[in-house]
Amino acid sequence: MDPLTAHRRGQNAFASVLAQVPAGQAGAPTPCTEWSVREVVAHVIAGNCRLAGSAPPQVPDDIEGLIGAHAASAQAAHAVLAAPHGLDRLYEFPIGSLPGAVAARMRARDALAHGWDLATATGQSTDLDPELAADLLEFSRRQNLAAHRGPGRRFAAEQPCDPGRPAADQFAAFLGRAVE
């Protein structure tokens, strides 16, 4: 899948789950044990803003406000990536400089993984965009994530997952989420 398509679909999957979060659940816990629903959404928004070269906005407390803030940040990030040479230029991330094509896929991975977190936290289906999930699982497997796994790092240890589970569950397990 091309990086722009992956980025758009990852952001759309996240937005679809976020749109179904019941009002009043912004403070609910998530599989990211240190983050509530609101904090997961704030994290995704901040990553989108970082890619777009802007400061993250004040993140609202209500679900409707979170939906709007995410949509604006996703659109801004996508516009930067889709601009001429957007996939070729380098973007600065906490882990270093990344070409746009890699940054787009990493943002897609982040959005899909955290969409899975929101779905799990709010009792929604975790069967998110199977084609994208399979693609991002292979992308993630090709990266050397060992240095980024463990307590206090970006990813936990890979978790077991029945191969018959949806691709998004397998993807989440690879990134360290417990799939039940």
N, C-alpha and C. Protein backbone atom coordinates (compact mmCIF):
# COMPACT_ATOMS: atom_id res chain seq x y z
N MET A 1 0.86 -1.17 0.00
CA MET A 1 0.00 0.00 0.00
C MET A 1 0.90 1.23 0.00
N ASP A 2 0.53 2.22 -0.79
CA ASP A 2 1.39 3.40 -0.83
C ASP A 2 1.25 4.19 0.48
N PRO A 3 2.29 4.93 0.86
CA PRO A 3 2.30 5.61 2.16
C PRO A 3 1.16 6.61 2.37
N LEU A 4 0.78 7.35 1.34
CA LEU A 4 -0.32 8.32 1.50
C LEU A 4 -1.65 7.61 1.75
N THR A 5 -1.86 6.51 1.04
CA THR A 5 -3.08 5.73 1.26
C THR A 5 -3.09 5.15 2.67
N ALA A 6 -1.96 4.60 3.09
CA ALA A 6 -1.86 4.05 4.45
C ALA A 6 -2.14 5.13 5.48
N HIS A 7 -1.55 6.31 5.28
CA HIS A 7 -1.77 7.40 6.24
C HIS A 7 -3.25 7.77 6.32
N ARG A 8 -3.86 7.99 5.18
CA ARG A 8 -5.27 8.38 5.16
C ARG A 8 -6.13 7.30 5.81
N ARG A 9 -5.90 6.05 5.48
CA ARG A 9 -6.72 4.98 6.02
C ARG A 9 -6.49 4.79 7.52
N GLY A 10 -5.26 4.95 7.99
CA GLY A 10 -5.00 4.87 9.43
C GLY A 10 -5.73 5.95 10.19
N GLN A 11 -5.66 7.17 9.67
CA GLN A 11 -6.36 8.29 10.33
C GLN A 11 -7.87 8.09 10.28
N ASN A 12 -8.37 7.57 9.15
CA ASN A 12 -9.80 7.32 9.03
C ASN A 12 -10.27 6.22 9.98
N ALA A 13 -9.47 5.18 10.14
CA ALA A 13 -9.84 4.10 11.07
C ALA A 13 -9.91 4.66 12.49
N PHE A 14 -8.92 5.46 12.86
CA PHE A 14 -8.93 6.08 14.19
C PHE A 14 -10.17 6.96 14.35
N ALA A 15 -10.45 7.78 13.35
CA ALA A 15 -11.60 8.69 13.41
C ALA A 15 -12.92 7.92 13.54
N SER A 16 -13.03 6.79 12.83
CA SER A 16 -14.26 6.00 12.89
C SER A 16 -14.50 5.45 14.29
N VAL A 17 -13.44 4.99 14.94
CA VAL A 17 -13.58 4.49 16.31
C VAL A 17 -13.90 5.65 17.25
N LEU A 18 -13.16 6.74 17.11
CA LEU A 18 -13.37 7.90 17.98
C LEU A 18 -14.80 8.41 17.88
N ALA A 19 -15.38 8.39 16.68
CA ALA A 19 -16.75 8.87 16.48
C ALA A 19 -17.77 8.02 17.24
N GLN A 20 -17.41 6.79 17.59
CA GLN A 20 -18.34 5.89 18.29
C GLN A 20 -18.09 5.83 19.80
N VAL A 21 -17.13 6.62 20.29
CA VAL A 21 -16.88 6.65 21.74
C VAL A 21 -18.05 7.37 22.39
N PRO A 22 -18.69 6.73 23.36
CA PRO A 22 -19.83 7.37 24.02
C PRO A 22 -19.43 8.64 24.77
N ALA A 23 -20.33 9.61 24.76
CA ALA A 23 -20.10 10.85 25.52
C ALA A 23 -19.84 10.48 26.97
N GLY A 24 -18.96 11.20 27.59
CA GLY A 24 -18.65 10.94 28.99
C GLY A 24 -17.55 9.93 29.20
N GLN A 25 -17.00 9.34 28.11
CA GLN A 25 -15.95 8.33 28.27
C GLN A 25 -14.55 8.87 27.96
N ALA A 26 -14.40 10.17 27.88
CA ALA A 26 -13.07 10.74 27.59
C ALA A 26 -12.07 10.36 28.68
N GLY A 27 -12.52 10.16 29.90
CA GLY A 27 -11.62 9.82 31.00
C GLY A 27 -11.46 8.32 31.22
N ALA A 28 -12.08 7.50 30.38
CA ALA A 28 -12.02 6.04 30.56
C ALA A 28 -10.60 5.52 30.35
N PRO A 29 -10.24 4.45 31.08
CA PRO A 29 -8.91 3.85 30.89
C PRO A 29 -8.81 3.14 29.54
N THR A 30 -7.58 2.95 29.08
CA THR A 30 -7.32 2.28 27.81
C THR A 30 -6.25 1.21 28.02
N PRO A 31 -6.00 0.38 27.00
CA PRO A 31 -4.90 -0.58 27.11
C PRO A 31 -3.53 0.08 27.30
N CYS A 32 -3.40 1.35 26.92
CA CYS A 32 -2.19 2.13 27.25
C CYS A 32 -2.41 2.59 28.69
N THR A 33 -1.98 1.79 29.64
CA THR A 33 -2.40 1.95 31.04
C THR A 33 -2.14 3.32 31.62
N GLU A 34 -1.19 4.05 31.08
CA GLU A 34 -0.91 5.37 31.61
C GLU A 34 -1.78 6.46 30.98
N TRP A 35 -2.60 6.09 29.99
CA TRP A 35 -3.39 7.09 29.26
C TRP A 35 -4.88 6.76 29.28
N SER A 36 -5.69 7.79 29.45
CA SER A 36 -7.14 7.70 29.30
C SER A 36 -7.48 7.84 27.81
N VAL A 37 -8.75 7.70 27.48
CA VAL A 37 -9.20 7.90 26.10
C VAL A 37 -8.74 9.28 25.62
N ARG A 38 -9.00 10.32 26.40
CA ARG A 38 -8.61 11.69 26.02
C ARG A 38 -7.11 11.77 25.78
N GLU A 39 -6.31 11.15 26.62
CA GLU A 39 -4.86 11.22 26.48
C GLU A 39 -4.35 10.45 25.26
N VAL A 40 -5.02 9.35 24.91
CA VAL A 40 -4.66 8.64 23.68
C VAL A 40 -4.95 9.54 22.48
N VAL A 41 -6.11 10.17 22.48
CA VAL A 41 -6.46 11.06 21.37
C VAL A 41 -5.48 12.23 21.32
N ALA A 42 -5.13 12.79 22.47
CA ALA A 42 -4.17 13.90 22.51
C ALA A 42 -2.82 13.47 21.94
N HIS A 43 -2.41 12.24 22.22
CA HIS A 43 -1.15 11.71 21.69
C HIS A 43 -1.19 11.64 20.17
N VAL A 44 -2.28 11.13 19.61
CA VAL A 44 -2.40 11.02 18.15
C VAL A 44 -2.42 12.42 17.53
N ILE A 45 -3.16 13.33 18.14
CA ILE A 45 -3.20 14.72 17.64
C ILE A 45 -1.81 15.34 17.68
N ALA A 46 -1.08 15.15 18.77
CA ALA A 46 0.27 15.72 18.89
C ALA A 46 1.20 15.17 17.82
N GLY A 47 1.11 13.87 17.54
CA GLY A 47 1.93 13.28 16.49
C GLY A 47 1.60 13.84 15.11
N ASN A 48 0.32 14.04 14.85
CA ASN A 48 -0.09 14.64 13.58
C ASN A 48 0.43 16.08 13.47
N CYS A 49 0.31 16.81 14.55
CA CYS A 49 0.79 18.21 14.55
C CYS A 49 2.30 18.27 14.37
N ARG A 50 3.03 17.37 15.02
CA ARG A 50 4.48 17.32 14.86
C ARG A 50 4.84 17.13 13.40
N LEU A 51 4.17 16.21 12.74
CA LEU A 51 4.42 15.96 11.33
C LEU A 51 4.09 17.20 10.49
N ALA A 52 3.01 17.86 10.84
CA ALA A 52 2.58 19.05 10.09
C ALA A 52 3.42 20.28 10.41
N GLY A 53 4.26 20.19 11.45
CA GLY A 53 5.10 21.32 11.82
C GLY A 53 4.39 22.38 12.63
N SER A 54 3.35 21.98 13.35
CA SER A 54 2.60 22.93 14.17
C SER A 54 2.53 22.45 15.61
N ALA A 55 2.24 23.38 16.49
CA ALA A 55 2.08 23.03 17.90
C ALA A 55 0.70 22.39 18.09
N PRO A 56 0.62 21.39 18.94
CA PRO A 56 -0.70 20.78 19.18
C PRO A 56 -1.63 21.79 19.86
N PRO A 57 -2.91 21.72 19.55
CA PRO A 57 -3.87 22.62 20.16
C PRO A 57 -4.17 22.22 21.61
N GLN A 58 -4.84 23.08 22.31
CA GLN A 58 -5.38 22.71 23.61
C GLN A 58 -6.40 21.60 23.34
N VAL A 59 -6.20 20.44 23.93
CA VAL A 59 -7.05 19.30 23.62
C VAL A 59 -8.33 19.39 24.47
N PRO A 60 -9.47 19.34 23.79
CA PRO A 60 -10.75 19.44 24.50
C PRO A 60 -10.98 18.27 25.45
N ASP A 61 -11.91 18.44 26.37
CA ASP A 61 -12.26 17.39 27.32
C ASP A 61 -13.42 16.52 26.84
N ASP A 62 -14.20 17.03 25.89
CA ASP A 62 -15.38 16.29 25.46
C ASP A 62 -15.11 15.54 24.15
N ILE A 63 -15.87 14.50 23.91
CA ILE A 63 -15.67 13.65 22.75
C ILE A 63 -15.86 14.43 21.45
N GLU A 64 -16.88 15.25 21.37
CA GLU A 64 -17.12 16.03 20.14
C GLU A 64 -15.93 16.94 19.83
N GLY A 65 -15.39 17.58 20.85
CA GLY A 65 -14.21 18.43 20.65
C GLY A 65 -13.00 17.62 20.22
N LEU A 66 -12.85 16.43 20.80
CA LEU A 66 -11.74 15.55 20.42
C LEU A 66 -11.86 15.11 18.97
N ILE A 67 -13.07 14.83 18.54
CA ILE A 67 -13.30 14.42 17.15
C ILE A 67 -12.86 15.54 16.20
N GLY A 68 -13.27 16.77 16.50
CA GLY A 68 -12.90 17.91 15.66
C GLY A 68 -11.40 18.17 15.66
N ALA A 69 -10.78 18.09 16.83
CA ALA A 69 -9.34 18.35 16.93
C ALA A 69 -8.55 17.28 16.18
N HIS A 70 -8.99 16.03 16.29
CA HIS A 70 -8.31 14.97 15.54
C HIS A 70 -8.47 15.19 14.04
N ALA A 71 -9.67 15.50 13.59
CA ALA A 71 -9.90 15.69 12.15
C ALA A 71 -9.00 16.80 11.60
N ALA A 72 -8.90 17.90 12.32
CA ALA A 72 -8.07 19.02 11.86
C ALA A 72 -6.59 18.61 11.81
N SER A 73 -6.13 17.90 12.82
CA SER A 73 -4.71 17.51 12.85
C SER A 73 -4.40 16.46 11.77
N ALA A 74 -5.33 15.54 11.54
CA ALA A 74 -5.12 14.51 10.51
C ALA A 74 -5.06 15.15 9.13
N GLN A 75 -5.96 16.11 8.89
CA GLN A 75 -5.97 16.80 7.60
C GLN A 75 -4.68 17.59 7.40
N ALA A 76 -4.21 18.28 8.43
CA ALA A 76 -2.98 19.07 8.32
C ALA A 76 -1.78 18.16 8.03
N ALA A 77 -1.69 17.04 8.72
CA ALA A 77 -0.58 16.11 8.49
C ALA A 77 -0.65 15.56 7.08
N HIS A 78 -1.83 15.19 6.65
CA HIS A 78 -1.96 14.60 5.31
C HIS A 78 -1.62 15.63 4.23
N ALA A 79 -2.01 16.88 4.43
CA ALA A 79 -1.70 17.92 3.45
C ALA A 79 -0.19 18.10 3.29
N VAL A 80 0.55 18.03 4.39
CA VAL A 80 2.00 18.16 4.33
C VAL A 80 2.61 16.98 3.58
N LEU A 81 2.14 15.79 3.87
CA LEU A 81 2.67 14.60 3.20
C LEU A 81 2.32 14.58 1.71
N ALA A 82 1.13 15.06 1.36
CA ALA A 82 0.67 15.03 -0.02
C ALA A 82 1.22 16.18 -0.86
N ALA A 83 1.85 17.16 -0.23
CA ALA A 83 2.43 18.28 -0.96
C ALA A 83 3.59 17.80 -1.84
N PRO A 84 3.95 18.57 -2.86
CA PRO A 84 5.10 18.15 -3.68
C PRO A 84 6.31 17.85 -2.79
N HIS A 85 6.92 16.72 -3.03
CA HIS A 85 8.10 16.24 -2.30
C HIS A 85 7.82 15.92 -0.83
N GLY A 86 6.54 15.87 -0.45
CA GLY A 86 6.19 15.58 0.93
C GLY A 86 6.62 14.22 1.41
N LEU A 87 6.67 13.26 0.50
CA LEU A 87 7.09 11.91 0.88
C LEU A 87 8.61 11.75 0.81
N ASP A 88 9.29 12.71 0.21
CA ASP A 88 10.74 12.62 0.05
C ASP A 88 11.51 13.40 1.11
N ARG A 89 10.94 14.47 1.60
CA ARG A 89 11.67 15.31 2.55
C ARG A 89 11.80 14.63 3.90
N LEU A 90 12.67 15.16 4.73
CA LEU A 90 12.89 14.60 6.07
C LEU A 90 12.02 15.33 7.09
N TYR A 91 11.52 14.56 8.05
CA TYR A 91 10.72 15.07 9.15
C TYR A 91 11.42 14.71 10.44
N GLU A 92 11.39 15.62 11.39
CA GLU A 92 12.04 15.38 12.68
C GLU A 92 11.05 14.73 13.65
N PHE A 93 11.48 13.63 14.23
CA PHE A 93 10.70 12.90 15.24
C PHE A 93 11.60 12.66 16.44
N PRO A 94 11.03 12.32 17.57
CA PRO A 94 11.86 12.02 18.75
C PRO A 94 12.90 10.92 18.49
N ILE A 95 12.62 10.04 17.54
CA ILE A 95 13.57 8.96 17.25
C ILE A 95 14.57 9.35 16.16
N GLY A 96 14.46 10.57 15.62
CA GLY A 96 15.38 11.04 14.60
C GLY A 96 14.67 11.52 13.35
N SER A 97 15.47 11.82 12.31
CA SER A 97 14.93 12.29 11.03
C SER A 97 14.44 11.10 10.21
N LEU A 98 13.26 11.26 9.65
CA LEU A 98 12.67 10.20 8.84
C LEU A 98 12.17 10.76 7.52
N PRO A 99 12.38 10.01 6.42
CA PRO A 99 11.79 10.44 5.15
C PRO A 99 10.26 10.37 5.23
N GLY A 100 9.61 11.21 4.46
CA GLY A 100 8.16 11.29 4.50
C GLY A 100 7.44 9.98 4.27
N ALA A 101 7.95 9.15 3.38
CA ALA A 101 7.29 7.87 3.11
C ALA A 101 7.26 6.99 4.36
N VAL A 102 8.33 7.02 5.14
CA VAL A 102 8.38 6.24 6.39
C VAL A 102 7.53 6.93 7.46
N ALA A 103 7.63 8.25 7.54
CA ALA A 103 6.84 9.00 8.52
C ALA A 103 5.34 8.77 8.32
N ALA A 104 4.90 8.75 7.07
CA ALA A 104 3.48 8.52 6.77
C ALA A 104 3.02 7.17 7.29
N ARG A 105 3.84 6.15 7.08
CA ARG A 105 3.48 4.80 7.53
C ARG A 105 3.54 4.71 9.07
N MET A 106 4.50 5.41 9.67
CA MET A 106 4.56 5.40 11.13
C MET A 106 3.36 6.12 11.75
N ARG A 107 2.92 7.20 11.12
CA ARG A 107 1.72 7.89 11.62
C ARG A 107 0.50 6.99 11.41
N ALA A 108 0.45 6.27 10.29
CA ALA A 108 -0.66 5.33 10.07
C ALA A 108 -0.64 4.24 11.14
N ARG A 109 0.56 3.73 11.45
CA ARG A 109 0.69 2.69 12.48
C ARG A 109 0.20 3.22 13.82
N ASP A 110 0.62 4.42 14.17
CA ASP A 110 0.22 5.02 15.45
C ASP A 110 -1.30 5.19 15.51
N ALA A 111 -1.89 5.71 14.43
CA ALA A 111 -3.34 5.93 14.41
C ALA A 111 -4.10 4.61 14.51
N LEU A 112 -3.67 3.61 13.75
CA LEU A 112 -4.39 2.33 13.79
C LEU A 112 -4.22 1.64 15.14
N ALA A 113 -3.01 1.65 15.68
CA ALA A 113 -2.78 1.03 16.99
C ALA A 113 -3.62 1.71 18.07
N HIS A 114 -3.66 3.02 18.05
CA HIS A 114 -4.43 3.72 19.07
C HIS A 114 -5.94 3.68 18.79
N GLY A 115 -6.31 3.51 17.53
CA GLY A 115 -7.72 3.23 17.23
C GLY A 115 -8.13 1.90 17.86
N TRP A 116 -7.22 0.91 17.77
CA TRP A 116 -7.47 -0.38 18.40
C TRP A 116 -7.60 -0.20 19.92
N ASP A 117 -6.74 0.63 20.50
CA ASP A 117 -6.82 0.90 21.94
C ASP A 117 -8.18 1.50 22.32
N LEU A 118 -8.62 2.49 21.54
CA LEU A 118 -9.92 3.12 21.83
C LEU A 118 -11.05 2.12 21.66
N ALA A 119 -10.98 1.31 20.62
CA ALA A 119 -12.03 0.30 20.40
C ALA A 119 -12.10 -0.67 21.58
N THR A 120 -10.95 -1.12 22.03
CA THR A 120 -10.89 -2.03 23.17
C THR A 120 -11.44 -1.36 24.43
N ALA A 121 -11.03 -0.13 24.66
CA ALA A 121 -11.43 0.59 25.87
C ALA A 121 -12.93 0.87 25.92
N THR A 122 -13.56 1.00 24.76
CA THR A 122 -14.97 1.40 24.73
C THR A 122 -15.90 0.29 24.23
N GLY A 123 -15.39 -0.94 24.16
CA GLY A 123 -16.23 -2.08 23.81
C GLY A 123 -16.63 -2.15 22.34
N GLN A 124 -15.86 -1.54 21.46
CA GLN A 124 -16.15 -1.59 20.03
C GLN A 124 -15.40 -2.75 19.38
N SER A 125 -15.77 -3.06 18.16
CA SER A 125 -15.06 -4.09 17.40
C SER A 125 -13.62 -3.62 17.15
N THR A 126 -12.69 -4.55 17.28
CA THR A 126 -11.29 -4.24 16.99
C THR A 126 -10.90 -4.68 15.58
N ASP A 127 -11.85 -5.12 14.80
CA ASP A 127 -11.59 -5.56 13.43
C ASP A 127 -11.53 -4.33 12.52
N LEU A 128 -10.44 -3.59 12.64
CA LEU A 128 -10.27 -2.33 11.94
C LEU A 128 -9.50 -2.53 10.64
N ASP A 129 -10.01 -2.05 9.54
CA ASP A 129 -9.36 -2.04 8.22
C ASP A 129 -8.38 -3.20 8.06
N PRO A 130 -8.88 -4.40 7.79
CA PRO A 130 -8.02 -5.59 7.72
C PRO A 130 -6.84 -5.46 6.74
N GLU A 131 -7.07 -4.86 5.59
CA GLU A 131 -5.98 -4.72 4.61
C GLU A 131 -4.87 -3.81 5.16
N LEU A 132 -5.25 -2.69 5.74
CA LEU A 132 -4.27 -1.78 6.33
C LEU A 132 -3.55 -2.44 7.49
N ALA A 133 -4.30 -3.13 8.36
CA ALA A 133 -3.69 -3.79 9.51
C ALA A 133 -2.65 -4.81 9.07
N ALA A 134 -2.96 -5.60 8.06
CA ALA A 134 -2.00 -6.59 7.55
C ALA A 134 -0.77 -5.90 6.96
N ASP A 135 -1.00 -4.82 6.23
CA ASP A 135 0.11 -4.07 5.64
C ASP A 135 1.01 -3.47 6.72
N LEU A 136 0.41 -2.86 7.73
CA LEU A 136 1.21 -2.24 8.79
C LEU A 136 1.88 -3.27 9.69
N LEU A 137 1.29 -4.45 9.82
CA LEU A 137 1.94 -5.53 10.55
C LEU A 137 3.23 -5.92 9.82
N GLU A 138 3.17 -6.08 8.51
CA GLU A 138 4.37 -6.42 7.74
C GLU A 138 5.39 -5.29 7.79
N PHE A 139 4.94 -4.05 7.69
CA PHE A 139 5.84 -2.89 7.81
C PHE A 139 6.55 -2.91 9.16
N SER A 140 5.80 -3.17 10.21
CA SER A 140 6.36 -3.19 11.57
C SER A 140 7.32 -4.35 11.76
N ARG A 141 6.99 -5.49 11.19
CA ARG A 141 7.90 -6.65 11.29
C ARG A 141 9.23 -6.38 10.60
N ARG A 142 9.21 -5.61 9.51
CA ARG A 142 10.46 -5.31 8.79
C ARG A 142 11.34 -4.31 9.54
N GLN A 143 10.74 -3.55 10.46
CA GLN A 143 11.54 -2.61 11.25
C GLN A 143 12.15 -3.35 12.43
N ASN A 144 13.26 -2.87 12.90
CA ASN A 144 13.87 -3.46 14.09
C ASN A 144 13.29 -2.77 15.32
N LEU A 145 12.25 -3.36 15.88
CA LEU A 145 11.58 -2.76 17.04
C LEU A 145 12.18 -3.19 18.36
N ALA A 146 13.14 -4.09 18.34
CA ALA A 146 13.71 -4.63 19.58
C ALA A 146 14.22 -3.51 20.49
N ALA A 147 14.86 -2.51 19.95
CA ALA A 147 15.40 -1.42 20.75
C ALA A 147 14.30 -0.52 21.32
N HIS A 148 13.09 -0.66 20.80
CA HIS A 148 11.97 0.17 21.24
C HIS A 148 10.95 -0.60 22.08
N ARG A 149 11.31 -1.82 22.50
CA ARG A 149 10.40 -2.64 23.30
C ARG A 149 10.85 -2.69 24.74
N GLY A 150 9.88 -2.75 25.64
CA GLY A 150 10.17 -2.92 27.05
C GLY A 150 9.58 -1.81 27.89
N PRO A 151 9.68 -1.93 29.21
CA PRO A 151 9.11 -0.92 30.11
C PRO A 151 9.64 0.47 29.80
N GLY A 152 8.73 1.43 29.72
CA GLY A 152 9.10 2.81 29.46
C GLY A 152 9.47 3.10 28.01
N ARG A 153 9.26 2.14 27.13
CA ARG A 153 9.59 2.33 25.70
C ARG A 153 8.31 2.37 24.87
N ARG A 154 8.46 2.59 23.60
CA ARG A 154 7.31 2.75 22.70
C ARG A 154 6.42 1.51 22.60
N PHE A 155 7.03 0.33 22.67
CA PHE A 155 6.28 -0.92 22.48
C PHE A 155 6.60 -1.90 23.60
N ALA A 156 5.59 -2.65 23.98
CA ALA A 156 5.81 -3.74 24.93
C ALA A 156 6.28 -4.97 24.14
N ALA A 157 6.58 -6.02 24.85
CA ALA A 157 6.97 -7.27 24.19
C ALA A 157 5.79 -7.79 23.37
N GLU A 158 6.10 -8.43 22.25
CA GLU A 158 5.05 -9.01 21.42
C GLU A 158 4.23 -9.98 22.26
N GLN A 159 2.92 -9.93 22.07
CA GLN A 159 2.00 -10.77 22.82
C GLN A 159 1.46 -11.89 21.93
N PRO A 160 1.05 -13.00 22.53
CA PRO A 160 0.48 -14.08 21.71
C PRO A 160 -0.86 -13.65 21.11
N CYS A 161 -1.14 -14.18 19.94
CA CYS A 161 -2.41 -13.91 19.28
C CYS A 161 -2.73 -15.06 18.35
N ASP A 162 -3.90 -15.61 18.49
CA ASP A 162 -4.34 -16.70 17.62
C ASP A 162 -4.32 -16.21 16.17
N PRO A 163 -3.72 -16.98 15.25
CA PRO A 163 -3.64 -16.55 13.86
C PRO A 163 -5.00 -16.41 13.18
N GLY A 164 -6.04 -16.92 13.80
CA GLY A 164 -7.38 -16.77 13.26
C GLY A 164 -8.05 -15.46 13.62
N ARG A 165 -7.42 -14.71 14.50
CA ARG A 165 -7.97 -13.41 14.91
C ARG A 165 -7.87 -12.40 13.76
N PRO A 166 -8.67 -11.33 13.81
CA PRO A 166 -8.58 -10.29 12.78
C PRO A 166 -7.15 -9.71 12.69
N ALA A 167 -6.83 -9.22 11.51
CA ALA A 167 -5.49 -8.66 11.26
C ALA A 167 -5.16 -7.54 12.24
N ALA A 168 -6.13 -6.73 12.62
CA ALA A 168 -5.85 -5.64 13.56
C ALA A 168 -5.48 -6.17 14.94
N ASP A 169 -6.06 -7.29 15.34
CA ASP A 169 -5.68 -7.90 16.62
C ASP A 169 -4.26 -8.44 16.54
N GLN A 170 -3.91 -9.08 15.43
CA GLN A 170 -2.55 -9.58 15.26
C GLN A 170 -1.54 -8.44 15.26
N PHE A 171 -1.88 -7.37 14.59
CA PHE A 171 -1.06 -6.15 14.57
C PHE A 171 -0.88 -5.60 15.98
N ALA A 172 -1.98 -5.49 16.72
CA ALA A 172 -1.91 -4.96 18.09
C ALA A 172 -1.05 -5.86 18.97
N ALA A 173 -1.19 -7.16 18.84
CA ALA A 173 -0.39 -8.10 19.63
C ALA A 173 1.09 -7.96 19.31
N PHE A 174 1.40 -7.78 18.03
CA PHE A 174 2.80 -7.60 17.64
C PHE A 174 3.40 -6.36 18.30
N LEU A 175 2.57 -5.32 18.45
CA LEU A 175 3.04 -4.08 19.07
C LEU A 175 3.02 -4.14 20.60
N GLY A 176 2.55 -5.26 21.15
CA GLY A 176 2.62 -5.46 22.60
C GLY A 176 1.30 -5.37 23.34
N ARG A 177 0.19 -5.29 22.62
CA ARG A 177 -1.11 -5.24 23.29
C ARG A 177 -1.58 -6.66 23.61
N ALA A 178 -2.23 -6.82 24.76
CA ALA A 178 -2.82 -8.10 25.12
C ALA A 178 -4.16 -8.23 24.39
N VAL A 179 -4.27 -9.23 23.56
CA VAL A 179 -5.48 -9.47 22.78
C VAL A 179 -6.24 -10.59 23.45
N GLU A 180 -7.47 -10.33 23.78
CA GLU A 180 -8.29 -11.35 24.48
C GLU A 180 -9.38 -11.87 23.59
